[in-house]
N, C-alpha and C. Protein backbone atom coordinates (compact mmCIF):
# COMPACT_ATOMS: atom_id res chain seq x y z
N UNK A 1 -106.27 -45.78 -53.36
CA UNK A 1 -107.68 -46.02 -53.31
C UNK A 1 -108.36 -45.11 -52.30
N UNK A 2 -109.64 -44.89 -52.64
CA UNK A 2 -110.39 -44.00 -51.70
C UNK A 2 -111.86 -44.31 -51.78
N UNK A 3 -112.44 -44.20 -50.61
CA UNK A 3 -113.92 -44.23 -50.56
C UNK A 3 -114.48 -42.98 -51.20
N UNK A 4 -115.48 -43.21 -52.06
CA UNK A 4 -116.09 -42.04 -52.77
C UNK A 4 -117.50 -41.79 -52.19
N UNK A 5 -118.02 -40.62 -52.29
CA UNK A 5 -119.30 -40.33 -51.88
C UNK A 5 -120.31 -40.92 -52.82
N UNK A 6 -121.39 -41.56 -52.30
CA UNK A 6 -122.33 -42.13 -53.12
C UNK A 6 -123.44 -41.10 -53.38
N UNK A 7 -123.83 -40.96 -54.65
CA UNK A 7 -124.87 -40.03 -55.05
C UNK A 7 -126.23 -40.55 -54.71
N UNK A 8 -127.10 -39.77 -54.13
CA UNK A 8 -128.29 -40.14 -53.61
C UNK A 8 -129.44 -39.72 -54.61
N UNK A 9 -130.54 -40.50 -54.59
CA UNK A 9 -131.74 -40.17 -55.44
C UNK A 9 -132.00 -38.67 -55.49
N UNK A 10 -132.19 -38.17 -56.70
CA UNK A 10 -132.43 -36.74 -56.89
C UNK A 10 -131.17 -36.15 -57.60
N UNK A 11 -130.01 -36.79 -57.48
CA UNK A 11 -128.83 -36.27 -58.19
C UNK A 11 -129.04 -36.50 -59.69
N UNK A 12 -128.91 -35.47 -60.52
CA UNK A 12 -129.19 -35.74 -61.93
C UNK A 12 -128.29 -36.79 -62.64
N UNK A 13 -127.18 -37.02 -62.17
CA UNK A 13 -126.28 -37.96 -62.86
C UNK A 13 -126.85 -39.41 -62.81
N UNK A 14 -127.71 -39.65 -61.79
CA UNK A 14 -128.31 -41.01 -61.65
C UNK A 14 -129.35 -41.23 -62.81
N UNK A 15 -129.76 -40.19 -63.49
CA UNK A 15 -130.80 -40.27 -64.50
C UNK A 15 -130.21 -40.22 -65.91
N UNK A 16 -128.86 -40.02 -66.02
CA UNK A 16 -128.22 -39.93 -67.31
C UNK A 16 -127.64 -41.25 -67.78
N UNK A 17 -127.74 -41.48 -69.08
CA UNK A 17 -127.06 -42.63 -69.67
C UNK A 17 -125.53 -42.38 -69.69
N UNK A 18 -124.70 -43.19 -69.17
CA UNK A 18 -123.35 -42.96 -69.10
C UNK A 18 -122.59 -43.17 -70.39
N UNK A 19 -121.46 -42.59 -70.48
CA UNK A 19 -120.64 -42.66 -71.71
C UNK A 19 -119.77 -43.89 -71.75
N UNK A 20 -119.56 -44.42 -72.97
CA UNK A 20 -118.66 -45.56 -73.17
C UNK A 20 -117.25 -45.24 -72.72
N UNK A 21 -116.52 -46.12 -72.22
CA UNK A 21 -115.06 -45.97 -71.85
C UNK A 21 -114.38 -46.31 -73.11
N UNK A 22 -113.52 -45.44 -73.61
CA UNK A 22 -112.75 -45.64 -74.91
C UNK A 22 -111.48 -46.55 -74.63
N UNK A 23 -110.88 -46.36 -73.47
CA UNK A 23 -109.67 -47.15 -73.21
C UNK A 23 -109.47 -47.25 -71.67
N UNK A 24 -108.90 -48.36 -71.33
CA UNK A 24 -108.57 -48.57 -69.90
C UNK A 24 -107.26 -47.96 -69.51
N UNK A 25 -107.24 -46.82 -68.85
CA UNK A 25 -105.98 -46.09 -68.48
C UNK A 25 -105.73 -46.27 -67.06
N UNK A 26 -104.54 -45.85 -66.62
CA UNK A 26 -104.26 -45.95 -65.15
C UNK A 26 -105.32 -45.28 -64.35
N UNK A 27 -105.84 -44.12 -64.85
CA UNK A 27 -106.87 -43.38 -64.15
C UNK A 27 -108.16 -44.24 -64.04
N UNK A 28 -108.54 -44.96 -65.11
CA UNK A 28 -109.60 -45.84 -65.12
C UNK A 28 -109.45 -46.96 -64.02
N UNK A 29 -108.23 -47.53 -63.98
CA UNK A 29 -107.96 -48.59 -63.02
C UNK A 29 -108.11 -48.09 -61.55
N UNK A 30 -107.65 -46.79 -61.34
CA UNK A 30 -107.70 -46.22 -60.02
C UNK A 30 -109.19 -46.00 -59.70
N UNK A 31 -110.05 -45.55 -60.64
CA UNK A 31 -111.50 -45.46 -60.45
C UNK A 31 -112.10 -46.75 -60.01
N UNK A 32 -111.71 -47.83 -60.78
CA UNK A 32 -112.28 -49.15 -60.43
C UNK A 32 -111.91 -49.58 -59.01
N UNK A 33 -110.70 -49.30 -58.55
CA UNK A 33 -110.31 -49.58 -57.20
C UNK A 33 -111.12 -48.77 -56.22
N UNK A 34 -111.36 -47.51 -56.50
CA UNK A 34 -112.16 -46.67 -55.65
C UNK A 34 -113.60 -47.17 -55.66
N UNK A 35 -114.07 -47.62 -56.73
CA UNK A 35 -115.43 -48.20 -56.82
C UNK A 35 -115.57 -49.40 -55.93
N UNK A 36 -114.59 -50.29 -56.05
CA UNK A 36 -114.63 -51.51 -55.27
C UNK A 36 -114.55 -51.16 -53.73
N UNK A 37 -113.66 -50.31 -53.39
CA UNK A 37 -113.57 -49.82 -51.95
C UNK A 37 -114.83 -49.22 -51.48
N UNK A 38 -115.45 -48.46 -52.28
CA UNK A 38 -116.73 -47.75 -51.97
C UNK A 38 -117.86 -48.75 -51.81
N UNK A 39 -117.92 -49.70 -52.72
CA UNK A 39 -118.98 -50.76 -52.71
C UNK A 39 -118.80 -51.55 -51.43
N UNK A 40 -117.60 -52.08 -51.11
CA UNK A 40 -117.42 -52.83 -49.95
C UNK A 40 -117.55 -52.05 -48.69
N UNK A 41 -117.04 -50.84 -48.64
CA UNK A 41 -117.22 -49.98 -47.49
C UNK A 41 -118.65 -49.63 -47.17
N UNK A 42 -119.47 -49.64 -48.18
CA UNK A 42 -120.88 -49.33 -48.02
C UNK A 42 -121.79 -50.53 -47.83
N UNK A 43 -121.12 -51.72 -47.79
CA UNK A 43 -121.80 -53.01 -47.62
C UNK A 43 -122.78 -53.30 -48.82
N UNK A 44 -122.41 -52.84 -50.07
CA UNK A 44 -123.24 -53.07 -51.16
C UNK A 44 -122.77 -54.31 -51.93
N UNK A 45 -123.60 -54.83 -52.85
CA UNK A 45 -123.16 -55.97 -53.72
C UNK A 45 -122.88 -55.46 -55.09
N UNK A 46 -123.11 -54.18 -55.39
CA UNK A 46 -122.79 -53.61 -56.69
C UNK A 46 -122.74 -52.10 -56.70
N UNK A 47 -122.01 -51.59 -57.64
CA UNK A 47 -121.89 -50.16 -57.73
C UNK A 47 -121.66 -49.79 -59.22
N UNK A 48 -122.28 -48.75 -59.68
CA UNK A 48 -122.13 -48.22 -61.01
C UNK A 48 -121.36 -46.89 -60.83
N UNK A 49 -120.50 -46.56 -61.86
CA UNK A 49 -119.68 -45.33 -61.84
C UNK A 49 -120.50 -44.05 -61.57
N UNK A 50 -121.62 -44.00 -62.10
CA UNK A 50 -122.44 -42.73 -61.96
C UNK A 50 -122.97 -42.61 -60.52
N UNK A 51 -122.93 -43.69 -59.77
CA UNK A 51 -123.40 -43.64 -58.36
C UNK A 51 -122.37 -42.89 -57.56
N UNK A 52 -121.14 -42.77 -58.06
CA UNK A 52 -120.13 -41.95 -57.33
C UNK A 52 -119.80 -40.66 -58.17
N UNK A 53 -120.72 -40.32 -59.07
CA UNK A 53 -120.59 -39.09 -59.83
C UNK A 53 -119.76 -39.06 -61.09
N UNK A 54 -119.43 -40.32 -61.56
CA UNK A 54 -118.55 -40.44 -62.71
C UNK A 54 -119.32 -40.98 -63.92
N UNK A 55 -119.22 -40.13 -65.06
CA UNK A 55 -120.00 -40.47 -66.27
C UNK A 55 -119.14 -41.45 -67.07
N UNK A 56 -119.30 -42.75 -66.72
CA UNK A 56 -118.50 -43.76 -67.40
C UNK A 56 -119.27 -45.13 -67.23
N UNK A 57 -119.26 -45.95 -68.30
CA UNK A 57 -119.85 -47.24 -68.20
C UNK A 57 -118.96 -48.28 -67.61
N UNK A 58 -118.93 -48.15 -66.24
CA UNK A 58 -118.15 -49.12 -65.44
C UNK A 58 -119.05 -49.50 -64.24
N UNK A 59 -118.98 -50.84 -63.94
CA UNK A 59 -119.68 -51.41 -62.80
C UNK A 59 -118.86 -52.42 -62.08
N UNK A 60 -119.08 -52.50 -60.74
CA UNK A 60 -118.42 -53.50 -59.97
C UNK A 60 -119.57 -54.27 -59.21
N UNK A 61 -119.33 -55.55 -59.04
CA UNK A 61 -120.31 -56.43 -58.41
C UNK A 61 -119.58 -57.50 -57.58
N UNK A 62 -120.05 -57.82 -56.39
CA UNK A 62 -119.54 -58.98 -55.61
C UNK A 62 -120.69 -59.48 -54.80
N UNK A 63 -121.16 -60.68 -55.27
CA UNK A 63 -122.23 -61.35 -54.51
C UNK A 63 -121.70 -62.51 -53.64
N UNK A 64 -120.39 -62.38 -53.27
CA UNK A 64 -119.75 -63.42 -52.43
C UNK A 64 -118.89 -64.39 -53.26
N UNK A 65 -118.73 -64.12 -54.52
CA UNK A 65 -117.86 -64.95 -55.34
C UNK A 65 -116.60 -64.28 -55.86
N UNK A 66 -116.33 -63.19 -55.34
CA UNK A 66 -115.16 -62.36 -55.75
C UNK A 66 -115.63 -61.09 -56.54
N UNK A 67 -114.78 -60.17 -56.79
CA UNK A 67 -115.07 -58.93 -57.47
C UNK A 67 -115.16 -59.17 -58.97
N UNK A 68 -116.27 -58.74 -59.47
CA UNK A 68 -116.55 -58.72 -60.96
C UNK A 68 -116.56 -57.27 -61.40
N UNK A 69 -115.73 -56.92 -62.43
CA UNK A 69 -115.66 -55.64 -62.96
C UNK A 69 -116.09 -55.72 -64.43
N UNK A 70 -117.04 -54.91 -64.86
CA UNK A 70 -117.42 -54.86 -66.24
C UNK A 70 -117.40 -53.47 -66.78
N UNK A 71 -116.69 -53.20 -67.79
CA UNK A 71 -116.62 -51.88 -68.47
C UNK A 71 -117.40 -52.09 -69.76
N UNK A 72 -118.22 -51.06 -70.05
CA UNK A 72 -119.10 -51.05 -71.18
C UNK A 72 -119.96 -52.36 -71.29
N UNK A 73 -120.59 -52.73 -70.23
CA UNK A 73 -121.37 -53.98 -70.17
C UNK A 73 -122.59 -53.87 -71.08
N UNK A 74 -122.96 -55.05 -71.64
CA UNK A 74 -124.05 -55.16 -72.56
C UNK A 74 -124.68 -56.45 -72.38
N UNK A 75 -126.05 -56.52 -72.26
CA UNK A 75 -126.76 -57.78 -72.15
C UNK A 75 -126.90 -58.41 -73.55
N UNK A 76 -126.48 -59.56 -73.74
CA UNK A 76 -126.58 -60.24 -75.03
C UNK A 76 -127.87 -61.01 -75.16
N UNK A 77 -128.25 -61.70 -74.00
CA UNK A 77 -129.50 -62.44 -74.02
C UNK A 77 -129.98 -62.60 -72.54
N UNK A 78 -131.26 -62.83 -72.43
CA UNK A 78 -131.83 -63.04 -71.04
C UNK A 78 -132.88 -64.13 -71.22
N UNK A 79 -133.13 -64.79 -70.04
CA UNK A 79 -134.06 -65.93 -70.05
C UNK A 79 -134.91 -65.91 -68.77
N UNK A 80 -136.09 -66.18 -68.86
CA UNK A 80 -136.97 -66.33 -67.69
C UNK A 80 -137.22 -64.99 -67.01
N UNK A 81 -138.00 -65.06 -65.99
CA UNK A 81 -138.28 -63.87 -65.16
C UNK A 81 -138.56 -64.25 -63.79
N UNK A 82 -138.11 -63.38 -62.84
CA UNK A 82 -138.42 -63.72 -61.43
C UNK A 82 -138.43 -62.31 -60.72
N UNK A 83 -139.11 -62.28 -59.58
CA UNK A 83 -139.21 -61.09 -58.76
C UNK A 83 -138.59 -61.35 -57.42
N UNK A 84 -137.82 -60.34 -57.03
CA UNK A 84 -137.15 -60.35 -55.68
C UNK A 84 -136.96 -58.99 -55.17
N UNK A 85 -136.77 -58.89 -53.86
CA UNK A 85 -136.62 -57.56 -53.26
C UNK A 85 -135.15 -57.08 -53.52
N UNK A 86 -135.11 -55.78 -53.81
CA UNK A 86 -133.82 -55.21 -54.05
C UNK A 86 -133.71 -53.89 -53.18
N UNK A 87 -132.49 -53.59 -52.88
CA UNK A 87 -132.20 -52.27 -52.30
C UNK A 87 -131.15 -51.56 -53.25
N UNK A 88 -130.80 -50.36 -52.84
CA UNK A 88 -129.78 -49.64 -53.68
C UNK A 88 -129.10 -48.62 -52.75
N UNK A 89 -127.75 -48.54 -52.97
CA UNK A 89 -127.00 -47.58 -52.20
C UNK A 89 -127.43 -46.10 -52.46
N UNK A 90 -128.02 -45.84 -53.65
CA UNK A 90 -128.41 -44.47 -53.95
C UNK A 90 -129.82 -44.21 -53.51
N UNK A 91 -130.50 -45.18 -52.99
CA UNK A 91 -131.87 -45.06 -52.35
C UNK A 91 -131.88 -45.69 -50.97
N UNK A 92 -131.17 -45.10 -50.04
CA UNK A 92 -131.04 -45.63 -48.71
C UNK A 92 -132.42 -45.92 -48.00
N UNK A 93 -132.52 -47.03 -47.32
CA UNK A 93 -133.67 -47.44 -46.57
C UNK A 93 -134.87 -47.78 -47.48
N UNK A 94 -134.73 -48.01 -48.74
CA UNK A 94 -135.79 -48.40 -49.60
C UNK A 94 -135.46 -49.81 -50.13
N UNK A 95 -136.40 -50.67 -49.97
CA UNK A 95 -136.32 -52.03 -50.57
C UNK A 95 -137.66 -52.32 -51.25
N UNK A 96 -137.61 -52.71 -52.56
CA UNK A 96 -138.81 -52.95 -53.33
C UNK A 96 -138.62 -54.26 -54.16
N UNK A 97 -139.74 -54.88 -54.45
CA UNK A 97 -139.78 -56.00 -55.32
C UNK A 97 -139.61 -55.59 -56.81
N UNK A 98 -138.64 -56.25 -57.45
CA UNK A 98 -138.32 -55.87 -58.82
C UNK A 98 -138.28 -57.16 -59.65
N UNK A 99 -138.96 -57.09 -60.84
CA UNK A 99 -138.94 -58.22 -61.75
C UNK A 99 -137.75 -58.08 -62.69
N UNK A 100 -136.98 -59.15 -62.83
CA UNK A 100 -135.80 -59.15 -63.70
C UNK A 100 -135.69 -60.56 -64.33
N UNK A 101 -134.89 -60.57 -65.39
CA UNK A 101 -134.57 -61.83 -66.02
C UNK A 101 -133.91 -62.82 -65.01
N UNK A 102 -134.28 -64.07 -65.07
CA UNK A 102 -133.67 -65.04 -64.17
C UNK A 102 -132.25 -65.40 -64.50
N UNK A 103 -131.93 -65.34 -65.82
CA UNK A 103 -130.55 -65.62 -66.33
C UNK A 103 -130.21 -64.55 -67.35
N UNK A 104 -128.93 -64.24 -67.43
CA UNK A 104 -128.43 -63.35 -68.44
C UNK A 104 -127.16 -63.76 -68.98
N UNK A 105 -126.83 -63.37 -70.18
CA UNK A 105 -125.52 -63.41 -70.75
C UNK A 105 -125.11 -62.00 -71.07
N UNK A 106 -123.97 -61.60 -70.56
CA UNK A 106 -123.50 -60.24 -70.80
C UNK A 106 -122.05 -60.26 -71.31
N UNK A 107 -121.75 -59.15 -71.98
CA UNK A 107 -120.34 -59.00 -72.44
C UNK A 107 -119.84 -57.62 -72.04
N UNK A 108 -118.53 -57.50 -71.91
CA UNK A 108 -117.98 -56.22 -71.63
C UNK A 108 -116.44 -56.40 -71.62
N UNK A 109 -115.74 -55.46 -70.97
CA UNK A 109 -114.32 -55.52 -70.82
C UNK A 109 -114.06 -55.72 -69.31
N UNK A 110 -112.98 -56.39 -68.94
CA UNK A 110 -112.60 -56.51 -67.58
C UNK A 110 -111.71 -55.34 -67.22
N UNK A 111 -111.12 -55.23 -66.05
CA UNK A 111 -110.31 -54.07 -65.62
C UNK A 111 -109.01 -53.97 -66.40
N UNK A 112 -108.67 -55.07 -67.10
CA UNK A 112 -107.44 -55.01 -67.93
C UNK A 112 -107.72 -54.76 -69.41
N UNK A 113 -109.01 -54.49 -69.76
CA UNK A 113 -109.40 -54.17 -71.08
C UNK A 113 -109.65 -55.40 -71.97
N UNK A 114 -109.63 -56.62 -71.36
CA UNK A 114 -109.82 -57.82 -72.11
C UNK A 114 -111.37 -58.04 -72.21
N UNK A 115 -111.78 -58.56 -73.44
CA UNK A 115 -113.19 -58.83 -73.57
C UNK A 115 -113.62 -60.08 -72.80
N UNK A 116 -114.68 -59.97 -72.05
CA UNK A 116 -115.29 -61.07 -71.31
C UNK A 116 -116.72 -61.33 -71.65
N UNK A 117 -117.11 -62.62 -71.51
CA UNK A 117 -118.52 -62.87 -71.69
C UNK A 117 -118.92 -63.70 -70.47
N UNK A 118 -120.07 -63.34 -69.76
CA UNK A 118 -120.41 -64.01 -68.55
C UNK A 118 -121.87 -64.46 -68.62
N UNK A 119 -122.16 -65.70 -68.14
CA UNK A 119 -123.47 -66.16 -67.99
C UNK A 119 -123.75 -66.22 -66.56
N UNK A 120 -124.85 -65.62 -66.14
CA UNK A 120 -125.13 -65.49 -64.67
C UNK A 120 -126.63 -65.79 -64.41
N UNK A 121 -126.81 -66.27 -63.20
CA UNK A 121 -128.22 -66.51 -62.72
C UNK A 121 -128.30 -66.15 -61.29
N UNK A 122 -129.50 -66.09 -60.72
CA UNK A 122 -129.69 -65.86 -59.34
C UNK A 122 -129.23 -64.38 -59.04
N UNK A 123 -128.73 -64.29 -57.83
CA UNK A 123 -128.27 -62.92 -57.29
C UNK A 123 -127.30 -62.23 -58.23
N UNK A 124 -126.41 -62.97 -58.81
CA UNK A 124 -125.36 -62.36 -59.69
C UNK A 124 -126.09 -61.78 -60.91
N UNK A 125 -127.00 -62.51 -61.56
CA UNK A 125 -127.75 -61.99 -62.68
C UNK A 125 -128.54 -60.72 -62.29
N UNK A 126 -129.16 -60.81 -61.14
CA UNK A 126 -129.98 -59.62 -60.64
C UNK A 126 -129.03 -58.40 -60.39
N UNK A 127 -127.87 -58.57 -59.76
CA UNK A 127 -126.98 -57.50 -59.49
C UNK A 127 -126.43 -56.85 -60.76
N UNK A 128 -126.09 -57.74 -61.66
CA UNK A 128 -125.59 -57.19 -62.99
C UNK A 128 -126.64 -56.36 -63.65
N UNK A 129 -127.87 -56.88 -63.78
CA UNK A 129 -128.97 -56.07 -64.34
C UNK A 129 -129.25 -54.80 -63.65
N UNK A 130 -129.10 -54.82 -62.31
CA UNK A 130 -129.35 -53.63 -61.51
C UNK A 130 -128.28 -52.54 -61.87
N UNK A 131 -127.08 -53.00 -61.94
CA UNK A 131 -125.99 -51.99 -62.25
C UNK A 131 -125.98 -51.53 -63.69
N UNK A 132 -126.35 -52.38 -64.62
CA UNK A 132 -126.57 -51.93 -66.00
C UNK A 132 -127.70 -50.97 -66.05
N UNK A 133 -128.67 -51.19 -65.35
CA UNK A 133 -129.85 -50.20 -65.30
C UNK A 133 -129.28 -48.83 -64.90
N UNK A 134 -128.46 -48.82 -63.77
CA UNK A 134 -127.87 -47.58 -63.36
C UNK A 134 -127.12 -46.87 -64.45
N UNK A 135 -126.34 -47.60 -65.21
CA UNK A 135 -125.54 -47.01 -66.31
C UNK A 135 -126.38 -46.41 -67.42
N UNK A 136 -127.64 -46.85 -67.45
CA UNK A 136 -128.63 -46.32 -68.43
C UNK A 136 -129.60 -45.35 -67.80
N UNK A 137 -129.30 -44.89 -66.60
CA UNK A 137 -130.15 -43.87 -65.94
C UNK A 137 -131.40 -44.44 -65.42
N UNK A 138 -131.48 -45.69 -65.15
CA UNK A 138 -132.73 -46.37 -64.65
C UNK A 138 -132.50 -46.76 -63.21
N UNK A 139 -133.52 -46.44 -62.35
CA UNK A 139 -133.43 -46.79 -60.91
C UNK A 139 -134.50 -47.85 -60.66
N UNK A 140 -134.34 -48.49 -59.52
CA UNK A 140 -135.41 -49.54 -59.08
C UNK A 140 -136.77 -48.93 -58.98
N UNK A 141 -136.84 -47.69 -58.67
CA UNK A 141 -138.19 -47.12 -58.53
C UNK A 141 -138.84 -46.97 -59.86
N UNK A 142 -138.05 -47.02 -60.91
CA UNK A 142 -138.67 -47.00 -62.27
C UNK A 142 -139.21 -48.42 -62.61
N UNK A 143 -138.94 -49.41 -61.92
CA UNK A 143 -139.35 -50.82 -62.18
C UNK A 143 -140.47 -51.22 -61.30
N UNK A 144 -141.13 -50.34 -60.57
CA UNK A 144 -142.22 -50.72 -59.66
C UNK A 144 -143.46 -50.03 -60.09
N UNK A 145 -144.59 -50.52 -59.56
CA UNK A 145 -145.89 -49.94 -59.95
C UNK A 145 -146.01 -48.53 -59.50
N UNK A 146 -146.87 -47.79 -60.14
CA UNK A 146 -147.23 -46.36 -59.85
C UNK A 146 -147.71 -46.31 -58.35
N UNK A 147 -148.60 -47.26 -58.04
CA UNK A 147 -149.12 -47.25 -56.62
C UNK A 147 -148.03 -47.44 -55.62
N UNK A 148 -147.05 -48.28 -55.86
CA UNK A 148 -145.95 -48.49 -54.92
C UNK A 148 -145.09 -47.28 -54.91
N UNK A 149 -144.80 -46.60 -56.00
CA UNK A 149 -144.06 -45.47 -56.04
C UNK A 149 -144.74 -44.34 -55.29
N UNK A 150 -146.02 -44.23 -55.39
CA UNK A 150 -146.85 -43.29 -54.64
C UNK A 150 -146.63 -43.47 -53.14
N UNK A 151 -146.63 -44.76 -52.69
CA UNK A 151 -146.44 -45.00 -51.27
C UNK A 151 -145.07 -44.56 -50.86
N UNK A 152 -144.05 -44.54 -51.73
CA UNK A 152 -142.65 -44.18 -51.41
C UNK A 152 -142.45 -42.66 -51.59
N UNK A 153 -143.37 -41.96 -52.12
CA UNK A 153 -143.22 -40.60 -52.57
C UNK A 153 -142.63 -39.62 -51.52
N UNK A 154 -143.10 -39.71 -50.33
CA UNK A 154 -142.65 -38.83 -49.26
C UNK A 154 -141.15 -39.12 -48.93
N UNK A 155 -140.78 -40.37 -48.87
CA UNK A 155 -139.44 -40.75 -48.64
C UNK A 155 -138.51 -40.30 -49.75
N UNK A 156 -138.97 -40.51 -51.04
CA UNK A 156 -138.25 -40.09 -52.19
C UNK A 156 -138.03 -38.59 -52.19
N UNK A 157 -139.02 -37.86 -51.86
CA UNK A 157 -138.88 -36.35 -51.78
C UNK A 157 -137.81 -35.90 -50.76
N UNK A 158 -137.75 -36.62 -49.63
CA UNK A 158 -136.70 -36.30 -48.66
C UNK A 158 -135.32 -36.56 -49.25
N UNK A 159 -135.20 -37.71 -49.93
CA UNK A 159 -133.87 -38.05 -50.55
C UNK A 159 -133.50 -36.98 -51.57
N UNK A 160 -134.53 -36.65 -52.42
CA UNK A 160 -134.28 -35.71 -53.47
C UNK A 160 -133.79 -34.37 -52.85
N UNK A 161 -134.29 -33.96 -51.83
CA UNK A 161 -133.86 -32.68 -51.15
C UNK A 161 -132.47 -32.76 -50.65
N UNK A 162 -131.89 -33.97 -50.43
CA UNK A 162 -130.55 -34.06 -49.82
C UNK A 162 -129.57 -34.15 -50.94
N UNK A 163 -129.84 -34.17 -52.25
CA UNK A 163 -128.86 -34.26 -53.31
C UNK A 163 -128.57 -32.87 -53.86
N UNK A 164 -127.33 -32.50 -53.79
CA UNK A 164 -126.92 -31.17 -54.35
C UNK A 164 -125.59 -31.25 -55.07
N UNK A 165 -125.02 -32.41 -55.36
CA UNK A 165 -123.72 -32.48 -56.01
C UNK A 165 -123.74 -32.46 -57.56
N UNK A 166 -122.63 -32.17 -58.09
CA UNK A 166 -122.48 -32.15 -59.57
C UNK A 166 -121.59 -33.38 -59.97
N UNK A 167 -121.83 -33.95 -61.20
CA UNK A 167 -121.07 -35.08 -61.65
C UNK A 167 -119.64 -34.74 -62.00
N UNK A 168 -118.77 -35.72 -61.72
CA UNK A 168 -117.37 -35.69 -62.21
C UNK A 168 -117.36 -36.36 -63.52
N UNK A 169 -116.81 -35.72 -64.60
CA UNK A 169 -116.81 -36.28 -65.91
C UNK A 169 -115.49 -37.10 -66.22
N UNK A 170 -115.60 -38.20 -66.89
CA UNK A 170 -114.39 -38.98 -67.32
C UNK A 170 -114.33 -38.99 -68.75
């Protein structure tokens, strides 16, 4: 296991839709371990593979109930709507109010390649939606008003200038 570098706003991989994972290999399992270590080491509640430069539909989440790994996650249904403040490891020092579904039902594969279906609400639902957004090239700044984005523009430009890395392909 190893801590990986988190890609910061401005890195092109954060804007790309990630590729489906065809099979869970030993390399995939090692990546998942690295993702979990990176997420915990960075004090995050979620991490998407592209946040560490890997083009793969893999996410990890832990909102205090244990590690959840989803490979090729997909939202089956959503219910309600609520707004809450979110942060992001790829957007350091930025917290913004984001509207999301209050409850979601998602499916995907676990780290062993078994199909799983999860119903989530509260922080878990929010974290899952946040990470699925990442896997689709969507950031929290895409979910806020133009006026709010304008207020953040100088900070975002600084972050953009600090991103110079290339993605690792899986």
